[in-house]
ModelCIF file with pLDDT and N, C-alpha, C, O atoms, coordinates in Angstrom:
data_MODEL
#
_entry.id   MODEL 
#
_entity.id                         1 
_entity.type                       polymer 
_entity.pdbx_number_of_molecules   1 
#
_entity_poly.entity_id                      1 
_entity_poly.type                           'polypeptide(L)' 
_entity_poly.nstd_linkage                   no 
_entity_poly.nstd_monomer                   no 
_entity_poly.pdbx_seq_one_letter_code       AGALLGVALKDIPDGETGSVAVDGVFAVPKVSGTAIAQGAAVVFKA 
_entity_poly.pdbx_seq_one_letter_code_can   AGALLGVALKDIPDGETGSVAVDGVFAVPKVSGTAIAQGAAVVFKA 
_entity_poly.pdbx_strand_id                 A 
#
loop_
_entity_poly_seq.entity_id 
_entity_poly_seq.num 
_entity_poly_seq.mon_id 
_entity_poly_seq.hetero 
1 1  ALA n 
1 2  GLY n 
1 3  ALA n 
1 4  LEU n 
1 5  LEU n 
1 6  GLY n 
1 7  VAL n 
1 8  ALA n 
1 9  LEU n 
1 10 LYS n 
1 11 ASP n 
1 12 ILE n 
1 13 PRO n 
1 14 ASP n 
1 15 GLY n 
1 16 GLU n 
1 17 THR n 
1 18 GLY n 
1 19 SER n 
1 20 VAL n 
1 21 ALA n 
1 22 VAL n 
1 23 ASP n 
1 24 GLY n 
1 25 VAL n 
1 26 PHE n 
1 27 ALA n 
1 28 VAL n 
1 29 PRO n 
1 30 LYS n 
1 31 VAL n 
1 32 SER n 
1 33 GLY n 
1 34 THR n 
1 35 ALA n 
1 36 ILE n 
1 37 ALA n 
1 38 GLN n 
1 39 GLY n 
1 40 ALA n 
1 41 ALA n 
1 42 VAL n 
1 43 VAL n 
1 44 PHE n 
1 45 LYS n 
1 46 ALA n 
#
_struct_asym.id          A 
_struct_asym.entity_id   1 
#
loop_
_ma_qa_metric.id 
_ma_qa_metric.mode 
_ma_qa_metric.name 
_ma_qa_metric.software_group_id 
_ma_qa_metric.type 
1 global pLDDT . pLDDT 
2 local  pLDDT . pLDDT 
#
_ma_qa_metric_global.metric_id      1 
_ma_qa_metric_global.metric_value   97.50 
_ma_qa_metric_global.model_id       1 
_ma_qa_metric_global.ordinal_id     1 
#
loop_
_ma_qa_metric_local.label_asym_id 
_ma_qa_metric_local.label_comp_id 
_ma_qa_metric_local.label_seq_id 
_ma_qa_metric_local.metric_id 
_ma_qa_metric_local.metric_value 
_ma_qa_metric_local.model_id 
_ma_qa_metric_local.ordinal_id 
A ALA 1  2 96.00 1 1  
A GLY 2  2 95.00 1 2  
A ALA 3  2 97.00 1 3  
A LEU 4  2 97.00 1 4  
A LEU 5  2 98.00 1 5  
A GLY 6  2 98.00 1 6  
A VAL 7  2 98.00 1 7  
A ALA 8  2 98.00 1 8  
A LEU 9  2 98.00 1 9  
A LYS 10 2 98.00 1 10 
A ASP 11 2 98.00 1 11 
A ILE 12 2 98.00 1 12 
A PRO 13 2 98.00 1 13 
A ASP 14 2 98.00 1 14 
A GLY 15 2 98.00 1 15 
A GLU 16 2 98.00 1 16 
A THR 17 2 98.00 1 17 
A GLY 18 2 98.00 1 18 
A SER 19 2 98.00 1 19 
A VAL 20 2 98.00 1 20 
A ALA 21 2 98.00 1 21 
A VAL 22 2 98.00 1 22 
A ASP 23 2 97.00 1 23 
A GLY 24 2 98.00 1 24 
A VAL 25 2 98.00 1 25 
A PHE 26 2 98.00 1 26 
A ALA 27 2 98.00 1 27 
A VAL 28 2 98.00 1 28 
A PRO 29 2 98.00 1 29 
A LYS 30 2 98.00 1 30 
A VAL 31 2 97.00 1 31 
A SER 32 2 94.00 1 32 
A GLY 33 2 95.00 1 33 
A THR 34 2 94.00 1 34 
A ALA 35 2 98.00 1 35 
A ILE 36 2 98.00 1 36 
A ALA 37 2 98.00 1 37 
A GLN 38 2 98.00 1 38 
A GLY 39 2 98.00 1 39 
A ALA 40 2 98.00 1 40 
A ALA 41 2 97.00 1 41 
A VAL 42 2 98.00 1 42 
A VAL 43 2 98.00 1 43 
A PHE 44 2 98.00 1 44 
A LYS 45 2 98.00 1 45 
A ALA 46 2 96.00 1 46 
#
loop_
_atom_site.group_PDB 
_atom_site.id 
_atom_site.type_symbol 
_atom_site.label_atom_id 
_atom_site.label_alt_id 
_atom_site.label_comp_id 
_atom_site.label_asym_id 
_atom_site.label_entity_id 
_atom_site.label_seq_id 
_atom_site.pdbx_PDB_ins_code 
_atom_site.Cartn_x 
_atom_site.Cartn_y 
_atom_site.Cartn_z 
_atom_site.occupancy 
_atom_site.B_iso_or_equiv 
_atom_site.pdbx_formal_charge 
_atom_site.auth_seq_id 
_atom_site.auth_comp_id 
_atom_site.auth_asym_id 
_atom_site.auth_atom_id 
_atom_site.pdbx_PDB_model_num 
ATOM 1   N N  . ALA A 1 1  ? 100.393 103.278 94.426  1.00 96.00 ? 1  ALA A N  1 
ATOM 2   C CA . ALA A 1 1  ? 101.659 103.612 93.780  1.00 96.00 ? 1  ALA A CA 1 
ATOM 3   C C  . ALA A 1 1  ? 102.810 104.228 94.880  1.00 96.00 ? 1  ALA A C  1 
ATOM 4   O O  . ALA A 1 1  ? 103.046 105.414 95.112  1.00 96.00 ? 1  ALA A O  1 
ATOM 5   N N  . GLY A 1 2  ? 103.482 102.948 95.513  1.00 95.00 ? 2  GLY A N  1 
ATOM 6   C CA . GLY A 1 2  ? 104.414 103.439 96.506  1.00 95.00 ? 2  GLY A CA 1 
ATOM 7   C C  . GLY A 1 2  ? 103.551 103.673 97.680  1.00 95.00 ? 2  GLY A C  1 
ATOM 8   O O  . GLY A 1 2  ? 102.685 102.928 98.140  1.00 95.00 ? 2  GLY A O  1 
ATOM 9   N N  . ALA A 1 3  ? 103.968 104.942 98.123  1.00 97.00 ? 3  ALA A N  1 
ATOM 10  C CA . ALA A 1 3  ? 103.029 105.561 99.146  1.00 97.00 ? 3  ALA A CA 1 
ATOM 11  C C  . ALA A 1 3  ? 102.030 106.454 98.906  1.00 97.00 ? 3  ALA A C  1 
ATOM 12  O O  . ALA A 1 3  ? 101.438 107.020 99.825  1.00 97.00 ? 3  ALA A O  1 
ATOM 13  N N  . LEU A 1 4  ? 101.709 106.692 97.366  1.00 97.00 ? 4  LEU A N  1 
ATOM 14  C CA . LEU A 1 4  ? 100.715 107.369 96.830  1.00 97.00 ? 4  LEU A CA 1 
ATOM 15  C C  . LEU A 1 4  ? 99.571  106.596 96.446  1.00 97.00 ? 4  LEU A C  1 
ATOM 16  O O  . LEU A 1 4  ? 99.653  105.557 95.790  1.00 97.00 ? 4  LEU A O  1 
ATOM 17  N N  . LEU A 1 5  ? 98.364  107.176 96.911  1.00 98.00 ? 5  LEU A N  1 
ATOM 18  C CA . LEU A 1 5  ? 96.914  106.606 96.308  1.00 98.00 ? 5  LEU A CA 1 
ATOM 19  C C  . LEU A 1 5  ? 96.297  107.287 95.581  1.00 98.00 ? 5  LEU A C  1 
ATOM 20  O O  . LEU A 1 5  ? 96.183  108.494 95.800  1.00 98.00 ? 5  LEU A O  1 
ATOM 21  N N  . GLY A 1 6  ? 95.758  106.706 94.562  1.00 98.00 ? 6  GLY A N  1 
ATOM 22  C CA . GLY A 1 6  ? 94.895  107.475 93.630  1.00 98.00 ? 6  GLY A CA 1 
ATOM 23  C C  . GLY A 1 6  ? 93.975  106.605 93.070  1.00 98.00 ? 6  GLY A C  1 
ATOM 24  O O  . GLY A 1 6  ? 93.937  105.446 93.483  1.00 98.00 ? 6  GLY A O  1 
ATOM 25  N N  . VAL A 1 7  ? 93.027  107.079 91.962  1.00 98.00 ? 7  VAL A N  1 
ATOM 26  C CA . VAL A 1 7  ? 91.989  106.391 91.347  1.00 98.00 ? 7  VAL A CA 1 
ATOM 27  C C  . VAL A 1 7  ? 92.344  106.246 89.819  1.00 98.00 ? 7  VAL A C  1 
ATOM 28  O O  . VAL A 1 7  ? 92.783  107.171 89.135  1.00 98.00 ? 7  VAL A O  1 
ATOM 29  N N  . ALA A 1 8  ? 92.108  105.024 89.390  1.00 98.00 ? 8  ALA A N  1 
ATOM 30  C CA . ALA A 1 8  ? 92.258  104.756 87.867  1.00 98.00 ? 8  ALA A CA 1 
ATOM 31  C C  . ALA A 1 8  ? 91.199  105.564 87.040  1.00 98.00 ? 8  ALA A C  1 
ATOM 32  O O  . ALA A 1 8  ? 90.001  105.548 87.322  1.00 98.00 ? 8  ALA A O  1 
ATOM 33  N N  . LEU A 1 9  ? 91.659  106.172 86.143  1.00 98.00 ? 9  LEU A N  1 
ATOM 34  C CA . LEU A 1 9  ? 90.663  107.054 85.448  1.00 98.00 ? 9  LEU A CA 1 
ATOM 35  C C  . LEU A 1 9  ? 90.132  106.406 84.279  1.00 98.00 ? 9  LEU A C  1 
ATOM 36  O O  . LEU A 1 9  ? 89.169  106.884 83.680  1.00 98.00 ? 9  LEU A O  1 
ATOM 37  N N  . LYS A 1 10 ? 90.740  105.278 83.897  1.00 98.00 ? 10 LYS A N  1 
ATOM 38  C CA . LYS A 1 10 ? 90.351  104.313 82.750  1.00 98.00 ? 10 LYS A CA 1 
ATOM 39  C C  . LYS A 1 10 ? 91.141  102.899 82.993  1.00 98.00 ? 10 LYS A C  1 
ATOM 40  O O  . LYS A 1 10 ? 92.206  102.720 83.586  1.00 98.00 ? 10 LYS A O  1 
ATOM 41  N N  . ASP A 1 11 ? 90.336  102.011 82.387  1.00 98.00 ? 11 ASP A N  1 
ATOM 42  C CA . ASP A 1 11 ? 90.779  100.417 82.627  1.00 98.00 ? 11 ASP A CA 1 
ATOM 43  C C  . ASP A 1 11 ? 92.462  100.644 82.051  1.00 98.00 ? 11 ASP A C  1 
ATOM 44  O O  . ASP A 1 11 ? 92.897  101.291 81.098  1.00 98.00 ? 11 ASP A O  1 
ATOM 45  N N  . ILE A 1 12 ? 93.188  99.751  83.156  1.00 98.00 ? 12 ILE A N  1 
ATOM 46  C CA . ILE A 1 12 ? 94.758  99.750  82.776  1.00 98.00 ? 12 ILE A CA 1 
ATOM 47  C C  . ILE A 1 12 ? 94.922  98.448  82.749  1.00 98.00 ? 12 ILE A C  1 
ATOM 48  O O  . ILE A 1 12 ? 94.705  97.826  83.789  1.00 98.00 ? 12 ILE A O  1 
ATOM 49  N N  . PRO A 1 13 ? 95.305  97.807  81.660  1.00 98.00 ? 13 PRO A N  1 
ATOM 50  C CA . PRO A 1 13 ? 95.356  96.287  81.567  1.00 98.00 ? 13 PRO A CA 1 
ATOM 51  C C  . PRO A 1 13 ? 96.861  95.998  82.268  1.00 98.00 ? 13 PRO A C  1 
ATOM 52  O O  . PRO A 1 13 ? 97.694  96.904  82.284  1.00 98.00 ? 13 PRO A O  1 
ATOM 53  N N  . ASP A 1 14 ? 97.143  94.725  82.823  1.00 98.00 ? 14 ASP A N  1 
ATOM 54  C CA . ASP A 1 14 ? 98.457  94.379  83.288  1.00 98.00 ? 14 ASP A CA 1 
ATOM 55  C C  . ASP A 1 14 ? 99.660  94.694  82.155  1.00 98.00 ? 14 ASP A C  1 
ATOM 56  O O  . ASP A 1 14 ? 99.575  94.325  80.984  1.00 98.00 ? 14 ASP A O  1 
ATOM 57  N N  . GLY A 1 15 ? 100.584 95.303  82.610  1.00 98.00 ? 15 GLY A N  1 
ATOM 58  C CA . GLY A 1 15 ? 101.831 95.661  81.662  1.00 98.00 ? 15 GLY A CA 1 
ATOM 59  C C  . GLY A 1 15 ? 101.565 97.027  80.942  1.00 98.00 ? 15 GLY A C  1 
ATOM 60  O O  . GLY A 1 15 ? 102.405 97.515  80.187  1.00 98.00 ? 15 GLY A O  1 
ATOM 61  N N  . GLU A 1 16 ? 100.457 97.575  81.187  1.00 98.00 ? 16 GLU A N  1 
ATOM 62  C CA . GLU A 1 16 ? 100.172 98.862  80.209  1.00 98.00 ? 16 GLU A CA 1 
ATOM 63  C C  . GLU A 1 16 ? 100.333 99.966  81.292  1.00 98.00 ? 16 GLU A C  1 
ATOM 64  O O  . GLU A 1 16 ? 100.377 99.727  82.498  1.00 98.00 ? 16 GLU A O  1 
ATOM 65  N N  . THR A 1 17 ? 100.412 101.130 80.761  1.00 98.00 ? 17 THR A N  1 
ATOM 66  C CA . THR A 1 17 ? 100.335 102.469 81.358  1.00 98.00 ? 17 THR A CA 1 
ATOM 67  C C  . THR A 1 17 ? 99.131  103.312 81.231  1.00 98.00 ? 17 THR A C  1 
ATOM 68  O O  . THR A 1 17 ? 98.653  103.676 80.157  1.00 98.00 ? 17 THR A O  1 
ATOM 69  N N  . GLY A 1 18 ? 98.670  103.599 82.416  1.00 98.00 ? 18 GLY A N  1 
ATOM 70  C CA . GLY A 1 18 ? 97.285  104.527 82.445  1.00 98.00 ? 18 GLY A CA 1 
ATOM 71  C C  . GLY A 1 18 ? 97.402  105.584 83.245  1.00 98.00 ? 18 GLY A C  1 
ATOM 72  O O  . GLY A 1 18 ? 98.428  105.768 83.900  1.00 98.00 ? 18 GLY A O  1 
ATOM 73  N N  . SER A 1 19 ? 96.304  106.447 83.288  1.00 98.00 ? 19 SER A N  1 
ATOM 74  C CA . SER A 1 19 ? 96.068  107.659 84.036  1.00 98.00 ? 19 SER A CA 1 
ATOM 75  C C  . SER A 1 19 ? 95.413  107.365 85.474  1.00 98.00 ? 19 SER A C  1 
ATOM 76  O O  . SER A 1 19 ? 94.364  106.731 85.580  1.00 98.00 ? 19 SER A O  1 
ATOM 77  N N  . VAL A 1 20 ? 96.135  107.890 86.590  1.00 98.00 ? 20 VAL A N  1 
ATOM 78  C CA . VAL A 1 20 ? 95.558  107.729 87.965  1.00 98.00 ? 20 VAL A CA 1 
ATOM 79  C C  . VAL A 1 20 ? 95.498  109.055 88.466  1.00 98.00 ? 20 VAL A C  1 
ATOM 80  O O  . VAL A 1 20 ? 96.480  109.790 88.358  1.00 98.00 ? 20 VAL A O  1 
ATOM 81  N N  . ALA A 1 21 ? 94.398  109.457 89.029  1.00 98.00 ? 21 ALA A N  1 
ATOM 82  C CA . ALA A 1 21 ? 94.164  110.794 89.733  1.00 98.00 ? 21 ALA A CA 1 
ATOM 83  C C  . ALA A 1 21 ? 94.695  110.553 90.993  1.00 98.00 ? 21 ALA A C  1 
ATOM 84  O O  . ALA A 1 21 ? 94.467  109.514 91.611  1.00 98.00 ? 21 ALA A O  1 
ATOM 85  N N  . VAL A 1 22 ? 95.416  111.489 91.422  1.00 98.00 ? 22 VAL A N  1 
ATOM 86  C CA . VAL A 1 22 ? 95.902  111.430 92.751  1.00 98.00 ? 22 VAL A CA 1 
ATOM 87  C C  . VAL A 1 22 ? 95.697  112.605 93.644  1.00 98.00 ? 22 VAL A C  1 
ATOM 88  O O  . VAL A 1 22 ? 96.360  112.853 94.651  1.00 98.00 ? 22 VAL A O  1 
ATOM 89  N N  . ASP A 1 23 ? 94.698  113.307 93.159  1.00 97.00 ? 23 ASP A N  1 
ATOM 90  C CA . ASP A 1 23 ? 94.074  114.480 93.807  1.00 97.00 ? 23 ASP A CA 1 
ATOM 91  C C  . ASP A 1 23 ? 92.617  114.650 93.252  1.00 97.00 ? 23 ASP A C  1 
ATOM 92  O O  . ASP A 1 23 ? 92.326  114.666 92.056  1.00 97.00 ? 23 ASP A O  1 
ATOM 93  N N  . GLY A 1 24 ? 91.746  114.775 94.301  1.00 98.00 ? 24 GLY A N  1 
ATOM 94  C CA . GLY A 1 24 ? 90.459  114.688 94.103  1.00 98.00 ? 24 GLY A CA 1 
ATOM 95  C C  . GLY A 1 24 ? 89.653  114.094 95.040  1.00 98.00 ? 24 GLY A C  1 
ATOM 96  O O  . GLY A 1 24 ? 90.193  113.603 96.031  1.00 98.00 ? 24 GLY A O  1 
ATOM 97  N N  . VAL A 1 25 ? 88.029  114.029 94.869  1.00 98.00 ? 25 VAL A N  1 
ATOM 98  C CA . VAL A 1 25 ? 87.317  113.290 95.828  1.00 98.00 ? 25 VAL A CA 1 
ATOM 99  C C  . VAL A 1 25 ? 86.703  112.107 95.021  1.00 98.00 ? 25 VAL A C  1 
ATOM 100 O O  . VAL A 1 25 ? 86.129  112.379 93.967  1.00 98.00 ? 25 VAL A O  1 
ATOM 101 N N  . PHE A 1 26 ? 86.774  110.953 95.396  1.00 98.00 ? 26 PHE A N  1 
ATOM 102 C CA . PHE A 1 26 ? 86.063  109.653 94.691  1.00 98.00 ? 26 PHE A CA 1 
ATOM 103 C C  . PHE A 1 26 ? 85.296  108.966 95.752  1.00 98.00 ? 26 PHE A C  1 
ATOM 104 O O  . PHE A 1 26 ? 85.601  108.890 96.942  1.00 98.00 ? 26 PHE A O  1 
ATOM 105 N N  . ALA A 1 27 ? 84.249  108.470 95.154  1.00 98.00 ? 27 ALA A N  1 
ATOM 106 C CA . ALA A 1 27 ? 83.457  107.521 96.072  1.00 98.00 ? 27 ALA A CA 1 
ATOM 107 C C  . ALA A 1 27 ? 84.082  106.090 95.780  1.00 98.00 ? 27 ALA A C  1 
ATOM 108 O O  . ALA A 1 27 ? 83.973  105.615 94.649  1.00 98.00 ? 27 ALA A O  1 
ATOM 109 N N  . VAL A 1 28 ? 84.713  105.425 96.754  1.00 98.00 ? 28 VAL A N  1 
ATOM 110 C CA . VAL A 1 28 ? 85.577  104.241 96.706  1.00 98.00 ? 28 VAL A CA 1 
ATOM 111 C C  . VAL A 1 28 ? 85.090  103.303 97.755  1.00 98.00 ? 28 VAL A C  1 
ATOM 112 O O  . VAL A 1 28 ? 84.457  103.738 98.717  1.00 98.00 ? 28 VAL A O  1 
ATOM 113 N N  . PRO A 1 29 ? 85.357  102.031 97.617  1.00 98.00 ? 29 PRO A N  1 
ATOM 114 C CA . PRO A 1 29 ? 84.935  100.964 98.649  1.00 98.00 ? 29 PRO A CA 1 
ATOM 115 C C  . PRO A 1 29 ? 85.382  101.278 100.052 1.00 98.00 ? 29 PRO A C  1 
ATOM 116 O O  . PRO A 1 29 ? 86.505  101.741 100.253 1.00 98.00 ? 29 PRO A O  1 
ATOM 117 N N  . LYS A 1 30 ? 84.425  101.008 101.150 1.00 98.00 ? 30 LYS A N  1 
ATOM 118 C CA . LYS A 1 30 ? 84.839  101.140 102.299 1.00 98.00 ? 30 LYS A CA 1 
ATOM 119 C C  . LYS A 1 30 ? 84.461  99.591  103.216 1.00 98.00 ? 30 LYS A C  1 
ATOM 120 O O  . LYS A 1 30 ? 83.494  98.875  102.956 1.00 98.00 ? 30 LYS A O  1 
ATOM 121 N N  . VAL A 1 31 ? 85.235  99.388  104.046 1.00 97.00 ? 31 VAL A N  1 
ATOM 122 C CA . VAL A 1 31 ? 85.103  98.222  105.004 1.00 97.00 ? 31 VAL A CA 1 
ATOM 123 C C  . VAL A 1 31 ? 83.656  98.301  105.567 1.00 97.00 ? 31 VAL A C  1 
ATOM 124 O O  . VAL A 1 31 ? 83.380  99.317  106.205 1.00 97.00 ? 31 VAL A O  1 
ATOM 125 N N  . SER A 1 32 ? 82.807  97.455  105.424 1.00 94.00 ? 32 SER A N  1 
ATOM 126 C CA . SER A 1 32 ? 81.695  97.245  106.111 1.00 94.00 ? 32 SER A CA 1 
ATOM 127 C C  . SER A 1 32 ? 81.733  97.071  107.600 1.00 94.00 ? 32 SER A C  1 
ATOM 128 O O  . SER A 1 32 ? 82.524  96.258  108.076 1.00 94.00 ? 32 SER A O  1 
ATOM 129 N N  . GLY A 1 33 ? 80.965  97.750  108.347 1.00 95.00 ? 33 GLY A N  1 
ATOM 130 C CA . GLY A 1 33 ? 81.024  97.341  109.843 1.00 95.00 ? 33 GLY A CA 1 
ATOM 131 C C  . GLY A 1 33 ? 81.820  98.465  110.519 1.00 95.00 ? 33 GLY A C  1 
ATOM 132 O O  . GLY A 1 33 ? 81.782  98.382  111.746 1.00 95.00 ? 33 GLY A O  1 
ATOM 133 N N  . THR A 1 34 ? 82.500  99.450  110.057 1.00 94.00 ? 34 THR A N  1 
ATOM 134 C CA . THR A 1 34 ? 83.230  100.383 110.445 1.00 94.00 ? 34 THR A CA 1 
ATOM 135 C C  . THR A 1 34 ? 82.571  101.699 110.182 1.00 94.00 ? 34 THR A C  1 
ATOM 136 O O  . THR A 1 34 ? 82.256  101.894 109.008 1.00 94.00 ? 34 THR A O  1 
ATOM 137 N N  . ALA A 1 35 ? 82.291  102.681 111.090 1.00 98.00 ? 35 ALA A N  1 
ATOM 138 C CA . ALA A 1 35 ? 81.863  104.004 110.927 1.00 98.00 ? 35 ALA A CA 1 
ATOM 139 C C  . ALA A 1 35 ? 83.001  104.836 110.497 1.00 98.00 ? 35 ALA A C  1 
ATOM 140 O O  . ALA A 1 35 ? 84.053  104.601 111.092 1.00 98.00 ? 35 ALA A O  1 
ATOM 141 N N  . ILE A 1 36 ? 83.028  105.829 109.527 1.00 98.00 ? 36 ILE A N  1 
ATOM 142 C CA . ILE A 1 36 ? 84.008  106.724 109.313 1.00 98.00 ? 36 ILE A CA 1 
ATOM 143 C C  . ILE A 1 36 ? 83.382  108.161 109.433 1.00 98.00 ? 36 ILE A C  1 
ATOM 144 O O  . ILE A 1 36 ? 82.444  108.546 108.735 1.00 98.00 ? 36 ILE A O  1 
ATOM 145 N N  . ALA A 1 37 ? 84.117  109.037 110.562 1.00 98.00 ? 37 ALA A N  1 
ATOM 146 C CA . ALA A 1 37 ? 83.655  110.396 110.494 1.00 98.00 ? 37 ALA A CA 1 
ATOM 147 C C  . ALA A 1 37 ? 84.307  111.250 109.337 1.00 98.00 ? 37 ALA A C  1 
ATOM 148 O O  . ALA A 1 37 ? 85.403  110.960 108.857 1.00 98.00 ? 37 ALA A O  1 
ATOM 149 N N  . GLN A 1 38 ? 83.467  112.438 108.885 1.00 98.00 ? 38 GLN A N  1 
ATOM 150 C CA . GLN A 1 38 ? 84.048  113.316 108.378 1.00 98.00 ? 38 GLN A CA 1 
ATOM 151 C C  . GLN A 1 38 ? 85.178  113.819 108.820 1.00 98.00 ? 38 GLN A C  1 
ATOM 152 O O  . GLN A 1 38 ? 85.218  114.253 109.971 1.00 98.00 ? 38 GLN A O  1 
ATOM 153 N N  . GLY A 1 39 ? 86.414  113.859 107.918 1.00 98.00 ? 39 GLY A N  1 
ATOM 154 C CA . GLY A 1 39 ? 87.687  114.364 108.109 1.00 98.00 ? 39 GLY A CA 1 
ATOM 155 C C  . GLY A 1 39 ? 88.535  113.362 108.981 1.00 98.00 ? 39 GLY A C  1 
ATOM 156 O O  . GLY A 1 39 ? 89.581  113.760 109.493 1.00 98.00 ? 39 GLY A O  1 
ATOM 157 N N  . ALA A 1 40 ? 88.126  112.146 109.146 1.00 98.00 ? 40 ALA A N  1 
ATOM 158 C CA . ALA A 1 40 ? 88.725  111.307 109.576 1.00 98.00 ? 40 ALA A CA 1 
ATOM 159 C C  . ALA A 1 40 ? 90.172  110.706 109.013 1.00 98.00 ? 40 ALA A C  1 
ATOM 160 O O  . ALA A 1 40 ? 90.192  110.461 107.807 1.00 98.00 ? 40 ALA A O  1 
ATOM 161 N N  . ALA A 1 41 ? 91.204  110.484 109.662 1.00 97.00 ? 41 ALA A N  1 
ATOM 162 C CA . ALA A 1 41 ? 92.427  109.918 108.905 1.00 97.00 ? 41 ALA A CA 1 
ATOM 163 C C  . ALA A 1 41 ? 91.953  108.315 108.698 1.00 97.00 ? 41 ALA A C  1 
ATOM 164 O O  . ALA A 1 41 ? 91.451  107.621 109.582 1.00 97.00 ? 41 ALA A O  1 
ATOM 165 N N  . VAL A 1 42 ? 92.214  107.927 107.417 1.00 98.00 ? 42 VAL A N  1 
ATOM 166 C CA . VAL A 1 42 ? 91.609  106.739 106.975 1.00 98.00 ? 42 VAL A CA 1 
ATOM 167 C C  . VAL A 1 42 ? 92.915  105.738 106.571 1.00 98.00 ? 42 VAL A C  1 
ATOM 168 O O  . VAL A 1 42 ? 94.011  106.224 106.292 1.00 98.00 ? 42 VAL A O  1 
ATOM 169 N N  . VAL A 1 43 ? 92.699  104.510 106.574 1.00 98.00 ? 43 VAL A N  1 
ATOM 170 C CA . VAL A 1 43 ? 93.728  103.540 106.241 1.00 98.00 ? 43 VAL A CA 1 
ATOM 171 C C  . VAL A 1 43 ? 93.100  102.694 105.040 1.00 98.00 ? 43 VAL A C  1 
ATOM 172 O O  . VAL A 1 43 ? 91.997  102.162 105.166 1.00 98.00 ? 43 VAL A O  1 
ATOM 173 N N  . PHE A 1 44 ? 93.931  102.585 103.754 1.00 98.00 ? 44 PHE A N  1 
ATOM 174 C CA . PHE A 1 44 ? 93.520  101.869 102.759 1.00 98.00 ? 44 PHE A CA 1 
ATOM 175 C C  . PHE A 1 44 ? 94.160  100.470 103.105 1.00 98.00 ? 44 PHE A C  1 
ATOM 176 O O  . PHE A 1 44 ? 95.354  100.292 103.345 1.00 98.00 ? 44 PHE A O  1 
ATOM 177 N N  . LYS A 1 45 ? 93.173  99.502  103.092 1.00 98.00 ? 45 LYS A N  1 
ATOM 178 C CA . LYS A 1 45 ? 93.541  98.236  103.407 1.00 98.00 ? 45 LYS A CA 1 
ATOM 179 C C  . LYS A 1 45 ? 93.863  97.503  102.000 1.00 98.00 ? 45 LYS A C  1 
ATOM 180 O O  . LYS A 1 45 ? 92.981  97.167  101.210 1.00 98.00 ? 45 LYS A O  1 
ATOM 181 N N  . ALA A 1 46 ? 95.273  97.300  101.794 1.00 96.00 ? 46 ALA A N  1 
ATOM 182 C CA . ALA A 1 46 ? 95.818  96.707  100.480 1.00 96.00 ? 46 ALA A CA 1 
ATOM 183 C C  . ALA A 1 46 ? 95.097  95.502  100.203 1.00 96.00 ? 46 ALA A C  1 
ATOM 184 O O  . ALA A 1 46 ? 95.358  94.844  99.196  1.00 96.00 ? 46 ALA A O  1 
#
């Protein structure tokens, strides 16, 4: 959402409004082939 990142808390159909958590810890997809250290600055690949 602009410069914010979050996780959808429910399905959000196109054109609808839904809840997105912008604070918290979530298990999310990672690019395979790259190790990530704890506390590392990360990049979300759009």
